[in-house]
Protein backbone atom coordinates (compact mmCIF):
# COMPACT_ATOMS: atom_id res chain seq x y z
CA UNK A 1 -19.87 -30.99 -23.11
CA UNK A 2 -16.90 -30.92 -21.94
CA UNK A 3 -14.86 -30.56 -25.88
CA UNK A 4 -17.49 -27.56 -26.01
CA UNK A 5 -15.61 -25.94 -23.03
CA UNK A 6 -12.54 -26.57 -23.88
CA UNK A 7 -13.24 -24.76 -27.06
CA UNK A 8 -14.32 -22.06 -24.90
CA UNK A 9 -10.79 -21.73 -22.92
CA UNK A 10 -9.13 -22.16 -26.06
CA UNK A 11 -10.76 -18.81 -27.25
CA UNK A 12 -9.98 -16.98 -24.02
CA UNK A 13 -6.43 -17.89 -24.27
CA UNK A 14 -5.97 -16.75 -27.09
CA UNK A 15 -7.60 -13.45 -26.81
CA UNK A 16 -5.28 -13.43 -24.16
CA UNK A 17 -2.08 -13.53 -25.97
CA UNK A 18 -2.01 -9.59 -27.01
CA UNK A 19 -3.13 -8.49 -23.71
CA UNK A 20 0.14 -9.99 -22.31
CA UNK A 21 1.63 -8.46 -25.40
CA UNK A 22 0.42 -5.12 -24.65
CA UNK A 23 0.78 -5.53 -20.95
CA UNK A 24 4.69 -6.45 -21.88
CA UNK A 25 4.98 -2.77 -23.66
CA UNK A 26 2.97 -0.93 -20.94
CA UNK A 27 5.48 -2.00 -18.34
CA UNK A 28 8.56 -0.61 -20.86
CA UNK A 29 9.75 -4.89 -20.07
CA UNK A 30 12.92 -4.26 -23.00
CA UNK A 31 14.12 -1.67 -21.87
CA UNK A 32 14.38 -2.86 -18.27
CA UNK A 33 16.17 -6.36 -19.51
CA UNK A 34 18.35 -3.55 -20.55
CA UNK A 35 19.09 -1.17 -17.95
CA UNK A 36 18.98 -4.67 -15.75
CA UNK A 37 21.99 -5.39 -18.19
CA UNK A 38 23.78 -2.35 -17.59
CA UNK A 39 23.83 -2.74 -13.83
CA UNK A 40 24.53 -5.93 -13.72
CA UNK A 41 27.78 -5.05 -15.42
CA UNK A 42 28.34 -1.79 -13.22
CA UNK A 43 28.28 -4.52 -10.34
CA UNK A 44 30.87 -6.28 -11.51
CA UNK A 45 33.52 -3.59 -12.20
CA UNK A 46 36.47 -2.58 -9.78
CA UNK A 47 35.80 -0.56 -7.14
CA UNK A 48 31.90 -0.78 -7.06
CA UNK A 49 31.84 -1.44 -3.34
CA UNK A 50 33.95 1.64 -2.36
CA UNK A 51 30.82 4.56 -3.18
CA UNK A 52 28.66 2.50 -0.19
CA UNK A 53 25.45 5.14 -1.10
CA UNK A 54 25.77 4.77 -4.92
CA UNK A 55 26.43 0.94 -4.65
CA UNK A 56 23.28 0.58 -2.28
CA UNK A 57 21.00 2.42 -4.84
CA UNK A 58 22.50 -0.06 -7.72
CA UNK A 59 21.51 -3.08 -6.11
CA UNK A 60 18.24 -1.93 -5.03
CA UNK A 61 17.36 -0.56 -8.70
CA UNK A 62 18.67 -3.57 -10.55
CA UNK A 63 16.60 -6.28 -8.06
CA UNK A 64 13.51 -3.66 -8.87
CA UNK A 65 13.85 -4.16 -12.53
CA UNK A 66 14.56 -8.13 -12.42
CA UNK A 67 11.60 -8.35 -10.13
CA UNK A 68 9.38 -6.88 -12.91
CA UNK A 69 11.11 -8.64 -15.55
CA UNK A 70 10.78 -11.86 -13.93
CA UNK A 71 7.49 -11.48 -12.96
CA UNK A 72 5.76 -10.72 -16.58
CA UNK A 73 8.10 -13.35 -17.64
CA UNK A 74 6.28 -15.70 -15.00
CA UNK A 75 3.19 -14.57 -16.52
CA UNK A 76 3.46 -15.33 -20.14
CA UNK A 77 4.93 -18.76 -18.91
CA UNK A 78 1.75 -19.82 -17.09
CA UNK A 79 -0.23 -18.35 -20.35
CA UNK A 80 1.77 -20.96 -22.23
CA UNK A 81 1.44 -23.71 -19.76
CA UNK A 82 -2.01 -23.24 -20.08
CA UNK A 83 -2.71 -23.42 -23.70
CA UNK A 84 -0.32 -26.79 -23.63
CA UNK A 85 -2.78 -27.72 -20.53
CA UNK A 86 -5.92 -27.20 -23.32
CA UNK A 87 -4.44 -28.65 -25.88
CA UNK A 88 -3.69 -32.15 -23.46
CA UNK A 89 -6.93 -31.87 -22.07
CA UNK A 90 -9.40 -31.37 -25.40
CA UNK A 91 -7.64 -34.43 -27.21
CA UNK A 92 -7.91 -36.94 -24.25
CA UNK A 93 -11.30 -35.06 -23.18
CA UNK A 94 -10.51 -35.46 -19.80
CA UNK A 95 -12.99 -33.57 -16.82
CA UNK A 96 -9.84 -33.95 -14.48
CA UNK A 97 -7.90 -31.42 -16.79
CA UNK A 98 -10.68 -28.96 -17.68
CA UNK A 99 -11.07 -28.84 -13.88
CA UNK A 100 -7.25 -28.15 -13.47
CA UNK A 101 -7.64 -25.41 -16.39
CA UNK A 102 -10.46 -23.52 -15.09
CA UNK A 103 -8.71 -22.88 -11.42
CA UNK A 104 -5.40 -22.00 -13.59
CA UNK A 105 -6.82 -19.53 -16.28
CA UNK A 106 -9.01 -17.61 -13.31
CA UNK A 107 -5.73 -17.37 -10.89
CA UNK A 108 -4.08 -16.53 -14.39
CA UNK A 109 -7.09 -13.77 -15.29
CA UNK A 110 -6.14 -11.85 -11.56
CA UNK A 111 -2.44 -11.80 -11.61
CA UNK A 112 -3.27 -9.70 -14.86
CA UNK A 113 -5.62 -7.73 -13.70
CA UNK A 114 -3.46 -7.46 -10.84
CA UNK A 115 0.02 -5.96 -13.74
CA UNK A 116 -2.58 -4.15 -15.83
CA UNK A 117 -3.05 -1.99 -12.13
CA UNK A 118 0.44 -1.51 -12.44
CA UNK A 119 0.80 0.21 -15.29
CA UNK A 120 -1.56 2.89 -14.31
CA UNK A 121 0.95 4.28 -12.00
CA UNK A 122 2.58 7.11 -13.32
CA UNK A 123 2.98 10.03 -10.46
CA UNK A 124 6.17 11.15 -9.84
CA UNK A 125 6.46 9.07 -6.12
CA UNK A 126 4.48 6.05 -7.29
CA UNK A 127 7.41 3.69 -7.07
CA UNK A 128 8.45 4.54 -3.11
CA UNK A 129 7.98 2.84 -0.47
CA UNK A 130 4.74 3.76 1.55
CA UNK A 131 4.42 5.25 5.05
CA UNK A 132 0.83 4.78 6.41
CA UNK A 133 -0.44 6.87 9.97
CA UNK A 134 -3.33 5.86 11.36
CA UNK A 135 -5.52 7.78 13.29
CA UNK A 136 -8.57 7.35 15.55
CA UNK A 137 -12.00 9.47 15.59
CA UNK A 138 -13.74 10.94 18.66
CA UNK A 139 -15.49 8.45 20.08
CA UNK A 140 -12.80 6.99 22.52
CA UNK A 141 -12.97 2.86 22.74
CA UNK A 142 -15.07 1.79 19.31
CA UNK A 143 -12.91 4.72 17.16
CA UNK A 144 -9.84 3.21 18.09
CA UNK A 145 -10.84 -0.53 17.96
CA UNK A 146 -12.19 0.67 14.35
CA UNK A 147 -8.48 2.23 13.68
CA UNK A 148 -6.78 -0.89 14.76
CA UNK A 149 -8.97 -3.31 12.20
CA UNK A 150 -8.20 -1.04 9.78
CA UNK A 151 -4.26 -1.50 10.50
CA UNK A 152 -4.83 -5.03 10.47
CA UNK A 153 -6.37 -5.04 7.10
CA UNK A 154 -3.71 -2.75 5.65
CA UNK A 155 -0.62 -5.39 7.03
CA UNK A 156 -2.49 -8.10 5.80
CA UNK A 157 -3.14 -6.44 2.47
CA UNK A 158 0.60 -5.89 2.09
CA UNK A 159 1.53 -9.81 3.53
CA UNK A 160 -0.63 -10.66 0.34
CA UNK A 161 1.19 -8.79 -2.05
CA UNK A 162 4.96 -10.17 -0.59
CA UNK A 163 5.53 -6.37 0.80
CA UNK A 164 7.21 -6.02 3.75
CA UNK A 165 5.79 -3.78 6.94
CA UNK A 166 7.77 -2.16 9.37
CA UNK A 167 5.85 -0.04 12.79
CA UNK A 168 7.34 3.15 13.13
CA UNK A 169 5.11 3.73 16.15
CA UNK A 170 2.39 2.58 18.19
CA UNK A 171 -0.08 3.81 20.69
CA UNK A 172 -2.31 1.48 22.27
CA UNK A 173 -5.81 2.70 22.95
CA UNK A 174 -7.03 3.09 26.70
CA UNK A 175 -9.26 -0.14 26.69
CA UNK A 176 -8.93 -1.69 23.35
CA UNK A 177 -7.23 -0.61 19.74
CA UNK A 178 -5.16 1.67 19.09
CA UNK A 179 -5.33 5.79 19.26
CA UNK A 180 -2.66 6.10 16.67
CA UNK A 181 0.15 3.82 14.80
CA UNK A 182 2.59 4.87 11.88
CA UNK A 183 3.96 2.31 9.36
CA UNK A 184 6.00 1.70 6.43
CA UNK A 185 4.81 -0.58 3.59
CA UNK A 186 8.25 -1.80 1.77
CA UNK A 187 7.78 -2.73 -2.16
CA UNK A 188 7.33 -2.16 -6.04
CA UNK A 189 4.73 0.66 -6.57
CA UNK A 190 3.72 0.65 -2.91
CA UNK A 191 2.58 4.39 -2.24
CA UNK A 192 1.30 3.95 -6.05
CA UNK A 193 -0.87 1.46 -5.14
CA UNK A 194 -1.93 2.81 -1.91
CA UNK A 195 -2.61 6.13 -2.19
CA UNK A 196 -5.76 6.37 -2.58
CA UNK A 197 -6.24 5.08 0.60
CA UNK A 198 -5.79 8.35 2.26
CA UNK A 199 -8.68 9.85 3.88
CA UNK A 200 -11.18 8.97 6.78
CA UNK A 201 -13.02 5.49 6.57
CA UNK A 202 -16.54 4.99 8.35
CA UNK A 203 -17.93 1.91 10.54
CA UNK A 204 -21.63 1.19 10.69
CA UNK A 205 -21.47 -1.74 12.90
CA UNK A 206 -23.36 -3.28 16.61
CA UNK A 207 -20.80 -2.13 19.08
CA UNK A 208 -18.94 -4.70 21.15
CA UNK A 209 -18.45 -2.77 23.41
CA UNK A 210 -22.17 -1.13 24.49
CA UNK A 211 -23.88 -4.04 27.28
CA UNK A 212 -27.20 -2.90 24.89
CA UNK A 213 -25.83 -4.17 21.57
CA UNK A 214 -26.40 -0.51 19.69
CA UNK A 215 -25.78 0.05 16.28
CA UNK A 216 -22.63 2.73 16.61
CA UNK A 217 -20.91 4.53 13.72
CA UNK A 218 -17.28 5.19 13.77
CA UNK A 219 -14.68 7.19 11.76
CA UNK A 220 -11.44 6.14 11.58
CA UNK A 221 -8.40 8.51 9.75
CA UNK A 222 -5.31 7.24 6.86
CA UNK A 223 -2.91 8.75 5.53
CA UNK A 224 -0.41 7.20 2.90
CA UNK A 225 2.68 9.49 2.04
CA UNK A 226 5.63 8.39 -0.09
CA UNK A 227 8.86 7.08 1.66
CA UNK A 228 11.33 10.10 0.82
CA UNK A 229 14.99 9.01 1.30
CA UNK A 230 16.99 12.55 1.26
CA UNK A 231 15.16 14.74 -1.08
CA UNK A 232 16.04 17.84 -2.44
CA UNK A 233 12.36 18.74 -2.79
CA UNK A 234 11.92 18.85 0.74
CA UNK A 235 14.28 21.04 2.99
CA UNK A 236 14.10 20.74 6.56
CA UNK A 237 16.09 23.52 8.60
CA UNK A 238 17.05 22.10 11.93
CA UNK A 239 15.97 25.61 13.99
CA UNK A 240 12.35 24.46 12.58
CA UNK A 241 11.95 21.21 14.66
CA UNK A 242 11.20 21.27 18.33
CA UNK A 243 12.70 17.18 19.64
CA UNK A 244 11.48 15.75 22.56
CA UNK A 245 12.63 12.70 23.53
CA UNK A 246 10.66 10.37 26.39
CA UNK A 247 10.19 6.19 27.27
CA UNK A 248 8.59 4.01 25.17
CA UNK A 249 5.66 2.59 26.67
CA UNK A 250 3.43 -0.75 25.75
CA UNK A 251 4.90 -3.65 24.05
CA UNK A 252 8.63 -3.73 23.15
CA UNK A 253 11.03 -5.63 24.57
CA UNK A 254 13.14 -5.25 28.18
CA UNK A 255 14.25 -1.62 26.46
CA UNK A 256 10.85 0.01 27.18
CA UNK A 257 10.69 2.44 30.22
CA UNK A 258 14.64 2.03 30.64
CA UNK A 259 15.75 4.76 28.61
CA UNK A 260 14.28 7.57 27.05
CA UNK A 261 14.41 6.33 23.27
CA UNK A 262 11.25 7.39 22.02
CA UNK A 263 11.21 10.33 19.89
CA UNK A 264 8.83 13.34 19.17
CA UNK A 265 9.61 15.79 16.72
CA UNK A 266 7.24 18.65 15.72
CA UNK A 267 7.90 20.81 12.78
CA UNK A 268 7.44 24.45 14.53
CA UNK A 269 6.02 26.27 11.17
CA UNK A 270 3.50 23.58 10.38
CA UNK A 271 2.64 22.42 13.62
CA UNK A 272 3.11 18.77 12.40
CA UNK A 273 4.04 16.61 15.17
CA UNK A 274 5.47 12.76 14.27
CA UNK A 275 6.62 10.07 16.84
CA UNK A 276 8.51 6.99 16.58
CA UNK A 277 8.84 4.54 19.72
CA UNK A 278 9.63 1.23 18.06
CA UNK A 279 13.49 0.93 17.76
CA UNK A 280 15.85 0.79 21.04
CA UNK A 281 17.98 4.12 19.81
CA UNK A 282 16.98 7.72 20.24
CA UNK A 283 19.05 7.78 16.65
CA UNK A 284 16.23 5.05 15.11
CA UNK A 285 13.66 6.75 15.93
CA UNK A 286 14.32 10.11 15.20
CA UNK A 287 15.31 8.38 11.56
CA UNK A 288 12.03 7.66 11.21
CA UNK A 289 10.72 10.74 12.60
CA UNK A 290 12.80 12.44 9.83
CA UNK A 291 11.37 10.09 7.06
CA UNK A 292 7.60 10.70 8.37
CA UNK A 293 7.72 14.85 8.74
CA UNK A 294 9.64 14.74 4.77
CA UNK A 295 7.35 12.83 3.62
CA UNK A 296 4.23 14.78 5.47
CA UNK A 297 5.61 17.84 4.06
CA UNK A 298 5.85 16.82 0.48
CA UNK A 299 1.74 16.05 0.47
CA UNK A 300 0.88 19.14 2.11
CA UNK A 301 3.82 20.46 -0.45
CA UNK A 302 2.11 18.95 -3.39
CA UNK A 303 -2.04 19.62 -1.53
CA UNK A 304 -1.24 23.37 -1.66
CA UNK A 305 1.02 24.09 -4.43
CA UNK A 306 3.44 25.19 -2.76
CA UNK A 307 6.86 25.98 -3.88
CA UNK A 308 8.48 25.77 -0.90
CA UNK A 309 8.04 24.12 2.75
CA UNK A 310 8.06 27.61 4.53
CA UNK A 311 5.02 28.26 2.35
CA UNK A 312 3.08 25.48 3.32
CA UNK A 313 0.46 25.88 6.43
CA UNK A 314 -0.85 23.31 8.72
CA UNK A 315 -3.94 21.12 7.66
CA UNK A 316 -6.14 19.14 10.10
CA UNK A 317 -8.15 16.64 8.59
CA UNK A 318 -11.47 16.30 10.12
CA UNK A 319 -12.06 12.64 11.13
CA UNK A 320 -15.74 13.45 11.35
CA UNK A 321 -19.30 12.67 9.42
CA UNK A 322 -19.40 13.64 5.69
CA UNK A 323 -15.72 13.59 5.10
CA UNK A 324 -15.23 9.54 4.49
CA UNK A 325 -13.67 8.07 1.47
CA UNK A 326 -15.11 4.99 2.31
CA UNK A 327 -17.92 3.19 4.37
CA UNK A 328 -17.65 -0.37 5.89
CA UNK A 329 -21.25 -1.18 7.24
CA UNK A 330 -21.62 -4.64 9.05
CA UNK A 331 -24.92 -4.35 10.15
CA UNK A 332 -27.95 -4.22 8.68
CA UNK A 333 -26.32 -5.51 5.78
CA UNK A 334 -23.31 -5.89 4.45
CA UNK A 335 -21.32 -3.66 2.34
CA UNK A 336 -18.27 -1.59 1.20
CA UNK A 337 -18.43 1.45 -0.69
CA UNK A 338 -15.85 3.84 -1.84
CA UNK A 339 -17.74 7.45 -2.21
CA UNK A 340 -15.68 8.25 -4.83
CA UNK A 341 -15.47 5.26 -7.09
CA UNK A 342 -18.52 3.95 -6.34
CA UNK A 343 -16.77 0.45 -6.23
CA UNK A 344 -19.01 -1.75 -3.74
CA UNK A 345 -18.28 -5.30 -2.35
CA UNK A 346 -20.63 -7.51 0.15
CA UNK A 347 -17.22 -9.59 0.42
CA UNK A 348 -16.69 -7.54 4.01
CA UNK A 349 -15.00 -10.32 5.34
CA UNK A 350 -12.42 -10.46 2.27
CA UNK A 351 -11.96 -6.78 2.87
CA UNK A 352 -11.07 -6.75 6.50
CA UNK A 353 -8.39 -9.44 5.55
CA UNK A 354 -6.91 -7.55 2.72
CA UNK A 355 -8.73 -8.10 -0.15
CA UNK A 356 -8.53 -4.28 -1.28
CA UNK A 357 -7.44 -4.39 -4.97
CA UNK A 358 -10.63 -3.78 -6.56
CA UNK A 359 -10.63 -0.70 -4.59
CA UNK A 360 -7.33 0.22 -5.89
CA UNK A 361 -7.65 -0.62 -9.68
CA UNK A 362 -11.24 1.31 -9.64
CA UNK A 363 -9.29 4.67 -8.02
CA UNK A 364 -6.54 4.08 -10.19
CA UNK A 365 -8.23 3.90 -13.41
CA UNK A 366 -10.95 6.24 -12.92
CA UNK A 367 -7.91 8.43 -12.06
CA UNK A 368 -6.42 7.53 -15.41
CA UNK A 369 -9.41 8.39 -17.50
CA UNK A 370 -10.30 11.56 -15.64
CA UNK A 371 -13.82 10.02 -14.58
CA UNK A 372 -12.72 10.02 -10.76
CA UNK A 373 -15.05 11.94 -8.16
CA UNK A 374 -13.76 15.01 -5.94
């Protein structure tokens, strides 16, 4: 029996070889190697650090390219190791090695699928970091608790992928949860991977806040935007911004409530409001606000096909029934279903713990093939 299974895995590994070659070509690994080599030469030149802004950008780009090449080389290395393991186990008819082979192959398939997903990213800002904003819908504590559950879900997703997240703003709920929050997620293709999550998320469950244990439906909205440094395509005029400062509230250390370090910016032409209170200085909080404002304006500009910022009109997302992109049902059965792609899973615990790749992959695949429901 073991020999038959070894034969099956030998064939599976043979079939995976050409797939890895296709992935290397799709990722343009050879070009990445060449560009990385050029940038390494540049960093070794005299005077490289004289232009700090340029040198930081070069270092960031170099690291991205090196990580990209290293990930693909590691994938190929794991495939080669499994092929060797398969040969050894087959010769020795070793049951223990077969178990190790099965586990290793399953893990490799998962990594190949993740890598394949990145080849579907071709948008202008897909390789950018992402800014996520969370908004509780109507319904008080119930909706605020749901917004916090989603906040945890995306921060867990970031951790699973080795991304770094940074809190930009966080407003506690009245009794539990959050009214709103904003985070940046830093990592290669963070925006491209998460752009599908923009929209209203619906929860159905027995409320832990209802003494009669009745079933409740709650809504929360997620806004996903690319994080941009100064971008020529989005010009923000000083006279269009109203800045308010206030004292930070909530958990934040000794500086909280002692100084007016929190910042709120209002973009007067569109009515967009952004806030940040997590940093210790007013300057840093204003910088966070400008990043969020720039990202929001870019997103609206794209949605409305506006030629310039002055053409953009404010848009209010309706956080209510019928507008959701995904439903999370905890009771009477367990199911998470995306209304656009039709992708669904009953592993609700996994999803809430950040296992979102099935949803992200389905969205990107259908977007690339033109099958995505509008």
